[in-house]
Amino acid sequence: MFDKRTGEVMTQQLIDWGVDHIYGMPGDSINELIDDLRKREDEINFLQVRHEETGALAAAAYAKLTGKLGVTLSIAGPGAVHLLNGLYDAKADSAPVLALVGQVHTEEVGTGAFQEINLERMFDDVSVFNKRAETQEQLPDLLDQAIKEAYAHKGVSVLIVPDDLFAKKQTSQVRLTSGEYYKPEIFPAPNRIKEARQLIEKAEKPIILAGQGIRNASNELIQFAETIQAPIVLSLLAKGMIPDNHPYCLGQHGQIGTKPAYHAMKETDLLILVGTQFPYRDFLPDGVTTIQIDNNPAHLGKYYPITLGLAGDSKETLEAITELVTPVENRKYLENYKEKMNNWRIALQEEKRSQDDPLHAPQVMYELEKHMKPGAVISGDVGNVTVWVSRFLHLVNQKFILSGWLATMGSGLPGAIAAQKAYPDKQVIGISGDGGFSMVMHDFVTAVKYDLPIKMVVLNNSKIGMIKYEQEQMGHLNYATNLGEVDFAKFAEACGGEGYRIQSYEELESKMKQAFVSNKPVIIDVVIEDQAPLPGKIDYQSAVNFSKYIVKEFFENGNLDLPDIKKSIQRLT
């Protein structure tokens, strides 16, 4: 007679599905499963995080980096609530994640027991699968289905389990489901490929805007661009998928993007969207012919009125179009923007190589480039740091990850932890602002505990810099944006890691070198100038709002002196 604990059966299922680690915290409504995981710790590693939000963000980051299932778990009540930020990040960036969530004992469900909340209702919006098990016999089949749904919809599956069910015995090996997932193969109809060829061959100024859907199609995208002689613009989530130094690459688009990308997009007569929905209409051209390639038919034309939609895998679809179109030589539009992009890079290099004090973020990006290894993984955070990394950090053969569509601060450290678990032999660098890092800094202890040699760079201006800038741009006075000074290097040492505090240009090279020689978890605390990451050109309304800010601060409050105003105007223009 089959006689195994349900938790034991589910642990084996997770191993069979290829899960080798889980992020979470033990507790009274999940402890039965924790004990079964303990017995198989050589095959499936449980990482005890210090906050469930970190665990969920790490699971999301792991899924984004690898395409494999990220798994997190929590207790009922408060632990489950803490998962939501990371799970919404996974939902927003289409990452397959499984959340195993404990619940009060079966006989207590619905009674208002200690730490009981309506978990099904709470997780309803974030999930593609959201079920609570009522008997132990259901659990193996529910687990299989939860994992399949997460993969099939590239989203979050939540399986809620009263803790007593894990301890109950399974009496039969017969199951309704199997532990297999078959990825669908989607390819556009041949006549749609021919239509794409016709539109491409008519265009004089085609441009490609590519997103994270090109993760496995970088070479095919470059070959396609070279064949039709079109510049490539990347969404933020696609940074690093095409080398930043590729002659066809115009960098990122949108508020964090480059001038050449912005102007080329306004001039184009054919927009080709590949693996991205890019919802920022203000940065896209009006009324031009548009082709969109996406493996989810529901995404075609979702945010932009396209001319032709191609439902298919980016890699195979690009290959098919490239074989069909007539190659183009010496397109003036491309050559013009290649030259503009070269000039843009030169201008950025001048700023990055500055030796001035106080330190500013581009100098830090330049120093980091000296230490980044081929194949390194860069985990970015949200805020001003996003702009600095996007615009100034030059990636050639590195992976990049961040919280994209949700854009949640605090994603840098969990992403670095997940990256080091996914790629234990690769160099991992996290880059955060002091605002984002302080939201999750407690889990630097997790990196220390599990000997994860991540290097966390904290751009420390003692402010929530982006919010400060937004307030100024709107013509408001700064309010509640100062954070106070924190020495994150001393914090790193208190946690058992290494810390290096850099406060001047003179210290930058030597201390950065020391930090990267270390094989321990390290925090590199770089004190930088409070500098807004302004684009090279501002609109009229922004100038008006900024003028209002200057008037209020100088004339009404006396908070600015004339040198401050001069410096601010120089940056703005």
Protein backbone atom coordinates (compact mmCIF):
# COMPACT_ATOMS: atom_id res chain seq x y z
CA MET A 1 0.00 0.00 0.00
CA PHE A 2 1.29 3.44 -0.93
CA ASP A 3 1.87 5.27 2.38
CA LYS A 4 3.77 8.56 2.12
CA ARG A 5 3.31 11.98 3.64
CA THR A 6 1.73 14.44 1.21
CA GLY A 7 4.58 16.89 1.84
CA GLU A 8 7.05 14.19 0.91
CA VAL A 9 5.20 13.45 -2.33
CA MET A 10 5.05 17.16 -3.23
CA THR A 11 8.75 17.64 -2.51
CA GLN A 12 9.53 14.85 -4.97
CA GLN A 13 7.22 16.46 -7.51
CA LEU A 14 9.06 19.76 -7.24
CA ILE A 15 12.38 17.96 -7.76
CA ASP A 16 10.94 16.13 -10.79
CA TRP A 17 9.88 19.49 -12.23
CA GLY A 18 13.48 20.69 -11.99
CA VAL A 19 13.07 22.94 -8.95
CA ASP A 20 16.38 23.02 -7.07
CA HIS A 21 15.78 25.86 -4.62
CA ILE A 22 12.98 27.77 -2.89
CA TYR A 23 12.96 31.20 -1.23
CA GLY A 24 10.95 31.65 1.95
CA MET A 25 10.61 31.65 5.71
CA PRO A 26 9.43 28.79 7.94
CA GLY A 27 6.45 29.26 10.24
CA ASP A 28 3.58 27.57 11.99
CA SER A 29 1.31 27.19 8.94
CA ILE A 30 4.00 25.82 6.61
CA ASN A 31 6.25 23.86 9.00
CA GLU A 32 5.06 20.41 7.93
CA LEU A 33 6.28 21.04 4.38
CA ILE A 34 9.48 22.62 5.68
CA ASP A 35 10.30 19.36 7.44
CA ASP A 36 9.91 17.42 4.21
CA LEU A 37 12.13 19.90 2.40
CA ARG A 38 14.74 19.51 5.15
CA LYS A 39 14.98 15.80 4.44
CA ARG A 40 15.83 16.49 0.77
CA GLU A 41 18.07 19.55 1.25
CA ASP A 42 20.81 18.05 -0.95
CA GLU A 43 18.41 18.05 -3.90
CA ILE A 44 16.22 21.08 -3.25
CA ASN A 45 17.79 23.94 -1.35
CA PHE A 46 15.62 26.06 0.97
CA LEU A 47 16.93 29.63 1.23
CA GLN A 48 15.72 31.27 4.40
CA VAL A 49 15.22 34.94 3.56
CA ARG A 50 14.66 37.61 6.21
CA HIS A 51 11.48 38.96 4.59
CA GLU A 52 8.98 37.25 2.32
CA GLU A 53 9.01 40.21 -0.09
CA THR A 54 12.67 39.48 -0.81
CA GLY A 55 11.82 35.83 -1.41
CA ALA A 56 9.09 36.64 -3.92
CA LEU A 57 11.23 39.25 -5.71
CA ALA A 58 14.10 36.76 -5.89
CA ALA A 59 11.80 34.05 -7.30
CA ALA A 60 10.57 36.51 -9.94
CA ALA A 61 14.13 37.53 -10.83
CA TYR A 62 15.23 33.88 -11.13
CA ALA A 63 12.34 33.18 -13.51
CA LYS A 64 13.12 36.25 -15.63
CA LEU A 65 16.79 35.32 -15.91
CA THR A 66 16.39 31.62 -16.68
CA GLY A 67 12.86 31.11 -18.00
CA LYS A 68 12.55 28.37 -15.37
CA LEU A 69 10.03 28.29 -12.55
CA GLY A 70 10.81 30.53 -9.58
CA VAL A 71 9.42 29.22 -6.30
CA THR A 72 8.67 31.02 -3.05
CA LEU A 73 6.72 30.04 0.05
CA SER A 74 5.26 31.70 3.11
CA ILE A 75 3.05 31.18 6.12
CA ALA A 76 -0.57 32.33 6.20
CA GLY A 77 -1.58 35.86 7.17
CA PRO A 78 1.31 38.34 7.38
CA GLY A 79 3.79 36.19 5.49
CA ALA A 80 1.38 35.79 2.59
CA VAL A 81 0.72 39.54 2.50
CA HIS A 82 4.46 40.20 2.22
CA LEU A 83 4.65 38.11 -0.96
CA LEU A 84 2.45 40.41 -3.01
CA ASN A 85 5.03 42.93 -4.20
CA GLY A 86 7.29 40.25 -5.66
CA LEU A 87 4.39 38.32 -7.15
CA TYR A 88 3.05 41.44 -8.87
CA ASP A 89 6.54 42.02 -10.25
CA ALA A 90 6.46 38.51 -11.74
CA LYS A 91 3.00 39.12 -13.18
CA ALA A 92 3.99 42.45 -14.72
CA ASP A 93 7.14 41.08 -16.37
CA SER A 94 5.60 37.73 -17.43
CA ALA A 95 7.74 35.48 -15.25
CA PRO A 96 6.62 31.94 -14.27
CA VAL A 97 6.48 31.81 -10.46
CA LEU A 98 4.93 29.37 -7.99
CA ALA A 99 3.91 30.56 -4.51
CA LEU A 100 3.24 27.84 -1.94
CA VAL A 101 1.26 29.53 0.81
CA GLY A 102 0.35 28.01 4.15
CA GLN A 103 -3.08 28.35 5.73
CA VAL A 104 -4.59 27.60 9.13
CA HIS A 105 -5.61 23.99 9.77
CA THR A 106 -8.46 22.61 7.72
CA GLU A 107 -10.96 22.55 10.56
CA GLU A 108 -10.20 26.22 11.35
CA VAL A 109 -10.64 27.61 7.82
CA GLY A 110 -13.50 30.12 7.80
CA THR A 111 -13.64 30.50 11.58
CA GLY A 112 -11.54 33.67 11.83
CA ALA A 113 -8.69 31.78 13.42
CA PHE A 114 -5.39 33.35 14.44
CA GLN A 115 -3.62 34.72 11.31
CA GLU A 116 -6.41 33.57 8.99
CA ILE A 117 -7.22 35.88 6.10
CA ASN A 118 -9.06 35.26 2.85
CA LEU A 119 -6.01 34.27 0.80
CA GLU A 120 -7.97 33.22 -2.28
CA ARG A 121 -9.47 36.69 -2.56
CA MET A 122 -6.17 38.41 -1.83
CA PHE A 123 -4.23 36.56 -4.53
CA ASP A 124 -7.00 36.63 -7.14
CA ASP A 125 -5.73 39.60 -9.16
CA VAL A 126 -2.04 38.64 -9.20
CA SER A 127 -2.40 35.02 -10.29
CA VAL A 128 -3.16 32.87 -13.32
CA PHE A 129 -3.84 29.93 -10.97
CA ASN A 130 -5.18 30.40 -7.45
CA LYS A 131 -6.55 27.40 -5.53
CA ARG A 132 -6.85 26.23 -1.95
CA ALA A 133 -6.60 22.50 -1.33
CA GLU A 134 -9.34 20.97 0.79
CA THR A 135 -8.03 17.40 0.98
CA GLN A 136 -4.59 15.86 0.79
CA GLU A 137 -5.65 13.72 -2.17
CA GLN A 138 -6.04 16.85 -4.30
CA LEU A 139 -2.60 18.25 -3.65
CA PRO A 140 -0.34 16.35 -6.10
CA ASP A 141 -2.69 17.10 -9.01
CA LEU A 142 -3.14 20.73 -7.95
CA LEU A 143 0.64 21.17 -7.76
CA ASP A 144 1.15 19.78 -11.27
CA GLN A 145 -1.57 22.03 -12.63
CA ALA A 146 -0.24 25.09 -10.81
CA ILE A 147 3.19 24.63 -12.37
CA LYS A 148 1.75 24.05 -15.85
CA GLU A 149 -0.39 27.19 -15.62
CA ALA A 150 2.60 29.28 -14.50
CA TYR A 151 4.61 28.11 -17.51
CA ALA A 152 1.73 28.28 -20.00
CA HIS A 153 0.70 31.84 -19.07
CA LYS A 154 4.12 33.10 -17.92
CA GLY A 155 2.58 34.22 -14.67
CA VAL A 156 2.00 33.50 -11.02
CA SER A 157 0.43 30.33 -9.65
CA VAL A 158 -0.66 30.33 -6.01
CA LEU A 159 -1.33 27.07 -4.18
CA ILE A 160 -2.81 27.55 -0.70
CA VAL A 161 -2.47 24.60 1.67
CA PRO A 162 -3.71 24.18 5.24
CA ASP A 163 -0.60 22.93 7.00
CA ASP A 164 -2.16 19.74 8.37
CA LEU A 165 -2.64 18.42 4.81
CA PHE A 166 1.12 18.17 4.27
CA ALA A 167 1.37 15.71 7.17
CA LYS A 168 -1.47 13.46 6.03
CA LYS A 169 -0.68 10.31 4.07
CA GLN A 170 -1.23 9.69 0.38
CA THR A 171 -2.82 6.27 -0.05
CA SER A 172 -2.62 6.01 -3.84
CA GLN A 173 -0.07 6.78 -6.54
CA VAL A 174 -2.78 7.15 -9.18
CA ARG A 175 -3.02 10.78 -10.31
CA LEU A 176 -5.10 12.73 -12.78
CA THR A 177 -2.17 14.79 -14.01
CA SER A 178 1.39 14.24 -15.21
CA GLY A 179 4.47 16.28 -14.46
CA GLU A 180 5.08 17.41 -18.04
CA TYR A 181 4.73 20.72 -19.81
CA TYR A 182 4.81 21.01 -23.58
CA LYS A 183 5.71 24.44 -24.90
CA PRO A 184 3.50 25.39 -27.86
CA GLU A 185 5.16 26.11 -31.19
CA ILE A 186 3.66 29.21 -32.78
CA PHE A 187 4.54 30.45 -36.25
CA PRO A 188 2.87 33.00 -38.53
CA ALA A 189 1.08 31.86 -41.67
CA PRO A 190 3.25 32.05 -44.84
CA ASN A 191 1.07 34.76 -46.38
CA ARG A 192 1.67 36.96 -43.31
CA ILE A 193 5.43 36.59 -43.75
CA LYS A 194 5.05 37.67 -47.38
CA GLU A 195 3.03 40.71 -46.32
CA ALA A 196 5.81 41.61 -43.89
CA ARG A 197 8.37 41.38 -46.70
CA GLN A 198 6.32 43.72 -48.88
CA LEU A 199 6.00 46.33 -46.14
CA ILE A 200 9.70 46.14 -45.32
CA GLU A 201 10.82 46.46 -48.93
CA LYS A 202 8.65 49.58 -49.41
CA ALA A 203 10.14 51.36 -46.41
CA GLU A 204 12.96 53.88 -46.68
CA LYS A 205 13.50 54.46 -42.96
CA PRO A 206 12.69 51.24 -41.06
CA ILE A 207 13.49 50.99 -37.36
CA ILE A 208 13.33 48.01 -34.97
CA LEU A 209 12.12 48.35 -31.38
CA ALA A 210 12.94 45.13 -29.51
CA GLY A 211 12.01 43.95 -26.02
CA GLN A 212 12.63 41.02 -23.69
CA GLY A 213 11.03 38.66 -26.23
CA ILE A 214 14.37 38.59 -28.09
CA ARG A 215 16.14 36.92 -25.15
CA ASN A 216 16.83 33.83 -27.27
CA ALA A 217 16.89 35.60 -30.63
CA SER A 218 19.69 38.17 -30.35
CA ASN A 219 21.71 36.76 -33.25
CA GLU A 220 18.64 36.49 -35.47
CA LEU A 221 17.67 40.08 -34.68
CA ILE A 222 21.13 41.38 -35.59
CA GLN A 223 21.14 39.41 -38.85
CA PHE A 224 17.67 40.74 -39.70
CA ALA A 225 18.73 44.34 -38.95
CA GLU A 226 21.86 43.99 -41.05
CA THR A 227 19.86 42.55 -43.94
CA ILE A 228 17.31 45.39 -44.07
CA GLN A 229 19.79 48.03 -42.81
CA ALA A 230 17.66 49.19 -39.87
CA PRO A 231 18.78 50.66 -36.53
CA ILE A 232 17.81 48.79 -33.36
CA VAL A 233 16.26 50.47 -30.32
CA LEU A 234 15.80 48.43 -27.13
CA SER A 235 13.29 48.53 -24.32
CA LEU A 236 14.81 48.64 -20.85
CA LEU A 237 14.12 44.94 -20.22
CA ALA A 238 16.11 44.10 -23.36
CA LYS A 239 19.25 45.97 -22.30
CA GLY A 240 22.29 43.75 -22.79
CA MET A 241 20.58 41.40 -25.25
CA ILE A 242 22.24 43.35 -28.05
CA PRO A 243 25.74 44.67 -27.22
CA ASP A 244 25.65 48.36 -26.38
CA ASN A 245 28.60 48.89 -28.72
CA HIS A 246 26.95 47.25 -31.74
CA PRO A 247 26.97 49.82 -34.57
CA TYR A 248 23.23 49.35 -35.21
CA CYS A 249 22.24 49.76 -31.56
CA LEU A 250 20.76 53.14 -30.57
CA GLY A 251 20.34 52.18 -26.91
CA GLN A 252 17.16 52.39 -24.86
CA HIS A 253 13.99 54.32 -25.63
CA GLY A 254 11.65 56.44 -23.57
CA GLN A 255 12.53 58.65 -20.62
CA ILE A 256 15.58 56.54 -19.83
CA GLY A 257 16.70 56.44 -23.45
CA THR A 258 19.06 58.18 -25.85
CA LYS A 259 18.60 61.21 -28.09
CA PRO A 260 19.41 59.27 -31.30
CA ALA A 261 16.74 56.66 -30.44
CA TYR A 262 14.16 59.38 -29.81
CA HIS A 263 14.82 61.24 -33.05
CA ALA A 264 15.16 58.13 -35.21
CA MET A 265 11.80 56.93 -33.92
CA LYS A 266 10.15 60.22 -34.87
CA GLU A 267 11.61 60.06 -38.39
CA THR A 268 10.83 56.44 -39.28
CA ASP A 269 8.31 55.32 -41.89
CA LEU A 270 8.20 51.68 -40.69
CA LEU A 271 8.20 50.59 -37.05
CA ILE A 272 8.97 46.91 -36.38
CA LEU A 273 8.12 45.81 -32.84
CA VAL A 274 9.82 42.55 -31.84
CA GLY A 275 9.05 40.89 -28.51
CA THR A 276 7.72 44.05 -26.88
CA GLN A 277 4.40 45.79 -26.33
CA PHE A 278 6.04 49.15 -25.42
CA PRO A 279 3.05 51.11 -24.09
CA TYR A 280 4.59 54.61 -24.00
CA ARG A 281 2.75 56.20 -26.92
CA ASP A 282 4.40 59.61 -26.55
CA PHE A 283 7.70 58.06 -27.59
CA LEU A 284 6.34 56.26 -30.67
CA PRO A 285 5.71 57.75 -34.12
CA ASP A 286 2.23 58.74 -35.24
CA GLY A 287 0.50 57.13 -38.19
CA VAL A 288 3.33 55.00 -39.59
CA THR A 289 3.22 51.47 -40.95
CA THR A 290 3.88 49.05 -38.08
CA ILE A 291 4.71 45.34 -37.90
CA GLN A 292 4.58 43.55 -34.54
CA ILE A 293 6.06 40.13 -33.75
CA ASP A 294 4.97 38.44 -30.51
CA ASN A 295 4.39 34.86 -29.42
CA ASN A 296 1.20 35.87 -27.60
CA PRO A 297 -1.53 36.81 -30.11
CA ALA A 298 -3.30 38.86 -27.41
CA HIS A 299 -0.33 41.25 -27.32
CA LEU A 300 -0.57 42.15 -31.00
CA GLY A 301 -1.87 45.70 -31.31
CA LYS A 302 -2.60 45.91 -27.59
CA TYR A 303 -0.96 49.32 -27.05
CA TYR A 304 -0.36 50.55 -30.60
CA PRO A 305 -2.43 50.47 -33.82
CA ILE A 306 -0.35 48.05 -35.90
CA THR A 307 -0.60 47.38 -39.63
CA LEU A 308 0.44 43.71 -39.50
CA GLY A 309 0.63 41.30 -36.59
CA LEU A 310 2.82 38.19 -36.68
CA ALA A 311 1.99 35.70 -33.94
CA GLY A 312 5.13 33.64 -33.52
CA ASP A 313 8.41 33.04 -31.77
CA SER A 314 10.82 35.92 -32.38
CA LYS A 315 13.74 33.68 -33.33
CA GLU A 316 11.92 31.63 -35.97
CA THR A 317 9.86 34.52 -37.32
CA LEU A 318 12.90 36.74 -37.80
CA GLU A 319 14.74 33.91 -39.54
CA ALA A 320 11.82 33.43 -41.96
CA ILE A 321 11.56 37.13 -42.83
CA THR A 322 15.33 37.49 -43.24
CA GLU A 323 15.40 34.64 -45.75
CA LEU A 324 12.64 36.27 -47.79
CA VAL A 325 13.52 39.97 -47.93
CA THR A 326 15.90 41.51 -50.43
CA PRO A 327 19.09 42.71 -48.72
CA VAL A 328 19.68 46.47 -48.67
CA GLU A 329 23.03 48.27 -48.85
CA ASN A 330 24.10 51.69 -47.57
CA ARG A 331 20.83 53.01 -46.22
CA LYS A 332 21.34 56.75 -45.51
CA TYR A 333 18.86 56.74 -42.63
CA LEU A 334 20.88 54.08 -40.80
CA GLU A 335 24.24 55.71 -41.51
CA ASN A 336 22.96 59.05 -40.24
CA TYR A 337 21.91 57.59 -36.89
CA LYS A 338 25.01 55.46 -36.55
CA GLU A 339 26.99 58.71 -36.68
CA LYS A 340 24.62 60.41 -34.22
CA MET A 341 24.97 57.45 -31.85
CA ASN A 342 28.76 57.58 -32.06
CA ASN A 343 28.64 61.26 -31.09
CA TRP A 344 26.25 60.44 -28.23
CA ARG A 345 28.64 57.78 -26.93
CA ILE A 346 31.56 60.22 -27.09
CA ALA A 347 29.58 62.76 -25.06
CA LEU A 348 28.74 60.11 -22.46
CA GLN A 349 32.37 59.02 -22.25
CA GLU A 350 33.44 62.58 -21.49
CA GLU A 351 31.06 62.68 -18.55
CA LYS A 352 31.97 59.17 -17.36
CA ARG A 353 35.72 59.93 -17.40
CA SER A 354 35.42 63.10 -15.38
CA GLN A 355 37.78 63.26 -12.38
CA ASP A 356 35.77 65.89 -10.52
CA ASP A 357 34.51 65.79 -6.97
CA PRO A 358 31.94 65.33 -5.59
CA LEU A 359 31.43 62.00 -7.30
CA HIS A 360 28.53 61.55 -9.67
CA ALA A 361 26.91 58.36 -10.95
CA PRO A 362 28.42 58.26 -14.49
CA GLN A 363 31.91 58.12 -12.96
CA VAL A 364 30.83 55.07 -10.95
CA MET A 365 29.43 53.36 -14.05
CA TYR A 366 32.75 53.87 -15.85
CA GLU A 367 34.70 52.35 -12.97
CA LEU A 368 32.30 49.41 -12.81
CA GLU A 369 32.87 48.65 -16.49
CA LYS A 370 36.55 48.01 -15.72
CA HIS A 371 35.58 45.19 -13.34
CA MET A 372 32.60 43.58 -15.13
CA LYS A 373 33.50 40.18 -16.51
CA PRO A 374 32.09 38.61 -19.69
CA GLY A 375 28.93 36.73 -18.78
CA ALA A 376 28.37 38.76 -15.60
CA VAL A 377 24.82 39.37 -14.38
CA ILE A 378 23.79 42.92 -13.49
CA SER A 379 20.77 43.40 -11.22
CA GLY A 380 19.45 46.94 -11.39
CA ASP A 381 17.11 48.75 -9.05
CA VAL A 382 14.43 51.40 -9.57
CA GLY A 383 14.81 55.17 -9.27
CA ASN A 384 17.50 57.51 -10.57
CA VAL A 385 19.76 54.46 -10.57
CA THR A 386 17.68 53.01 -13.42
CA VAL A 387 18.58 55.94 -15.64
CA TRP A 388 22.24 55.87 -14.70
CA VAL A 389 22.52 52.17 -15.48
CA SER A 390 20.48 52.33 -18.67
CA ARG A 391 22.27 55.33 -20.11
CA PHE A 392 25.82 55.03 -18.81
CA LEU A 393 26.61 51.37 -18.02
CA HIS A 394 28.03 49.82 -21.17
CA LEU A 395 27.03 46.13 -21.49
CA VAL A 396 28.70 43.99 -24.15
CA ASN A 397 28.40 40.38 -23.00
CA GLN A 398 26.43 40.59 -19.74
CA LYS A 399 22.90 39.78 -18.61
CA PHE A 400 20.71 42.51 -17.14
CA ILE A 401 17.66 42.26 -14.91
CA LEU A 402 15.36 44.63 -13.03
CA SER A 403 11.74 45.21 -12.11
CA GLY A 404 10.35 46.48 -15.40
CA TRP A 405 6.65 47.15 -15.69
CA LEU A 406 5.92 47.20 -11.93
CA ALA A 407 9.14 49.17 -11.32
CA THR A 408 9.32 48.39 -7.64
CA MET A 409 12.12 49.88 -5.59
CA GLY A 410 14.13 47.31 -3.68
CA SER A 411 14.47 44.81 -6.53
CA GLY A 412 18.26 45.13 -6.90
CA LEU A 413 19.39 42.99 -3.94
CA PRO A 414 16.83 40.16 -4.40
CA GLY A 415 17.72 40.08 -8.09
CA ALA A 416 21.40 39.73 -7.24
CA ILE A 417 20.70 36.91 -4.79
CA ALA A 418 18.63 35.08 -7.41
CA ALA A 419 21.26 35.63 -10.10
CA GLN A 420 23.99 34.14 -7.93
CA LYS A 421 21.81 31.08 -7.24
CA ALA A 422 21.02 30.73 -10.94
CA TYR A 423 24.64 31.17 -12.03
CA PRO A 424 26.91 30.24 -9.11
CA ASP A 425 30.09 30.49 -11.20
CA LYS A 426 29.33 33.91 -12.69
CA GLN A 427 30.09 37.37 -11.38
CA VAL A 428 26.95 39.09 -10.03
CA ILE A 429 26.68 42.83 -9.47
CA GLY A 430 23.69 44.58 -7.93
CA ILE A 431 23.26 48.33 -8.40
CA SER A 432 20.82 50.22 -6.16
CA GLY A 433 20.15 53.69 -4.90
CA ASP A 434 20.19 54.19 -1.16
CA GLY A 435 16.38 54.48 -1.16
CA GLY A 436 15.78 51.16 -2.89
CA PHE A 437 18.54 49.33 -1.03
CA SER A 438 17.34 50.44 2.40
CA MET A 439 13.94 48.81 1.70
CA VAL A 440 15.48 45.32 1.59
CA MET A 441 18.94 45.74 3.11
CA HIS A 442 18.17 43.26 5.87
CA ASP A 443 18.52 40.46 3.32
CA PHE A 444 22.16 41.24 2.68
CA VAL A 445 22.47 38.88 5.67
CA THR A 446 20.96 36.17 3.43
CA ALA A 447 23.79 36.61 0.93
CA VAL A 448 26.29 36.32 3.79
CA LYS A 449 24.61 33.27 5.30
CA TYR A 450 24.67 31.34 2.03
CA ASP A 451 28.13 32.57 0.91
CA LEU A 452 26.79 34.32 -2.19
CA PRO A 453 29.68 36.57 -3.33
CA ILE A 454 27.48 39.31 -4.79
CA LYS A 455 28.82 42.85 -5.15
CA MET A 456 26.15 45.41 -4.20
CA VAL A 457 26.88 48.95 -5.37
CA VAL A 458 24.80 51.55 -3.52
CA LEU A 459 24.62 55.02 -5.10
CA ASN A 460 24.17 56.99 -1.91
CA ASN A 461 22.91 60.60 -2.11
CA SER A 462 20.88 60.40 1.13
CA LYS A 463 17.70 61.13 -0.82
CA ILE A 464 14.89 59.57 -2.81
CA GLY A 465 16.44 61.30 -5.79
CA MET A 466 13.90 60.61 -8.50
CA ILE A 467 10.98 61.78 -6.36
CA LYS A 468 12.91 64.92 -5.45
CA TYR A 469 13.41 65.65 -9.14
CA GLU A 470 9.76 64.92 -9.95
CA GLN A 471 8.63 67.37 -7.27
CA GLU A 472 10.91 70.04 -8.70
CA GLN A 473 9.77 69.38 -12.27
CA MET A 474 6.14 69.83 -11.20
CA GLY A 475 6.96 73.16 -9.57
CA HIS A 476 6.53 71.85 -6.02
CA LEU A 477 8.77 72.28 -3.02
CA ASN A 478 10.76 69.25 -1.96
CA TYR A 479 9.04 67.38 0.83
CA ALA A 480 9.86 64.08 2.61
CA THR A 481 12.60 63.11 0.14
CA ASN A 482 15.62 63.37 2.46
CA LEU A 483 16.64 60.00 3.88
CA GLY A 484 19.48 60.93 6.18
CA GLU A 485 23.00 59.57 6.04
CA VAL A 486 23.66 55.83 6.33
CA ASP A 487 27.07 54.17 6.18
CA PHE A 488 26.18 51.00 4.29
CA ALA A 489 29.80 49.80 4.38
CA LYS A 490 29.67 49.55 8.17
CA PHE A 491 26.32 47.78 7.86
CA ALA A 492 27.94 45.21 5.52
CA GLU A 493 30.64 44.51 8.08
CA ALA A 494 28.06 44.17 10.85
CA CYS A 495 26.32 41.51 8.75
CA GLY A 496 29.55 39.54 8.30
CA GLY A 497 30.33 40.71 4.78
CA GLU A 498 32.76 43.31 3.51
CA GLY A 499 32.04 47.00 3.07
CA TYR A 500 33.83 49.79 1.23
CA ARG A 501 32.76 53.43 1.51
CA ILE A 502 33.88 55.69 -1.35
CA GLN A 503 33.56 59.44 -0.84
CA SER A 504 35.94 60.96 -3.41
CA TYR A 505 37.32 60.37 -6.88
CA GLU A 506 40.70 59.63 -5.37
CA GLU A 507 39.24 56.60 -3.54
CA LEU A 508 37.12 55.31 -6.41
CA GLU A 509 39.59 53.17 -8.31
CA SER A 510 41.46 51.63 -5.39
CA LYS A 511 38.44 50.75 -3.25
CA MET A 512 36.47 49.42 -6.19
CA LYS A 513 39.42 47.17 -7.03
CA GLN A 514 39.58 45.92 -3.43
CA ALA A 515 35.88 45.13 -3.44
CA PHE A 516 36.02 43.08 -6.62
CA VAL A 517 39.04 41.07 -5.48
CA SER A 518 37.02 39.79 -2.52
CA ASN A 519 35.22 36.45 -2.68
CA LYS A 520 32.71 37.53 -0.02
CA PRO A 521 29.41 39.40 -0.26
CA VAL A 522 30.33 43.07 -0.51
CA ILE A 523 28.55 46.42 -0.26
CA ILE A 524 30.25 49.27 -2.14
CA ASP A 525 28.76 52.42 -0.65
CA VAL A 526 29.47 55.29 -3.05
CA VAL A 527 28.58 58.75 -1.80
CA ILE A 528 27.45 60.67 -4.89
CA GLU A 529 26.26 64.16 -5.68
CA ASP A 530 22.53 64.78 -5.68
CA GLN A 531 22.20 64.97 -9.45
CA ALA A 532 18.98 64.62 -11.44
CA PRO A 533 19.32 62.27 -14.44
CA LEU A 534 17.94 64.83 -16.87
CA PRO A 535 17.69 64.20 -20.60
CA GLY A 536 19.55 66.51 -22.94
CA LYS A 537 16.41 68.40 -23.95
CA ILE A 538 13.38 69.39 -21.89
CA ASP A 539 9.90 70.38 -22.94
CA TYR A 540 8.32 73.78 -22.38
CA GLN A 541 6.12 72.73 -19.47
CA SER A 542 9.06 71.19 -17.61
CA ALA A 543 10.97 74.45 -17.97
CA VAL A 544 7.99 76.43 -16.65
CA ASN A 545 7.59 74.09 -13.66
CA PHE A 546 11.31 74.21 -12.92
CA SER A 547 11.21 78.01 -12.98
CA LYS A 548 8.37 77.97 -10.45
CA TYR A 549 10.47 75.72 -8.22
CA ILE A 550 13.46 78.09 -8.39
CA VAL A 551 11.26 81.09 -7.53
CA LYS A 552 9.73 79.36 -4.50
CA GLU A 553 13.01 78.01 -3.14
CA PHE A 554 15.04 81.19 -3.70
CA PHE A 555 12.66 84.07 -3.14
CA GLU A 556 10.12 82.56 -0.71
CA ASN A 557 12.19 80.14 1.36
CA GLY A 558 15.81 81.18 0.85
CA ASN A 559 16.85 77.58 0.38
CA LEU A 560 19.00 78.16 -2.73
CA ASP A 561 21.91 80.51 -3.32
CA LEU A 562 22.98 81.78 -6.74
CA PRO A 563 25.64 79.07 -7.35
CA ASP A 564 22.97 76.41 -6.69
CA ILE A 565 20.65 78.01 -9.24
CA LYS A 566 23.42 78.29 -11.83
CA LYS A 567 24.37 74.63 -11.41
CA SER A 568 20.72 73.52 -11.67
CA ILE A 569 20.15 75.52 -14.86
CA GLN A 570 23.30 74.09 -16.43
CA ARG A 571 22.07 70.56 -15.79
CA LEU A 572 18.59 71.32 -17.00
CA THR A 573 19.80 72.68 -20.35
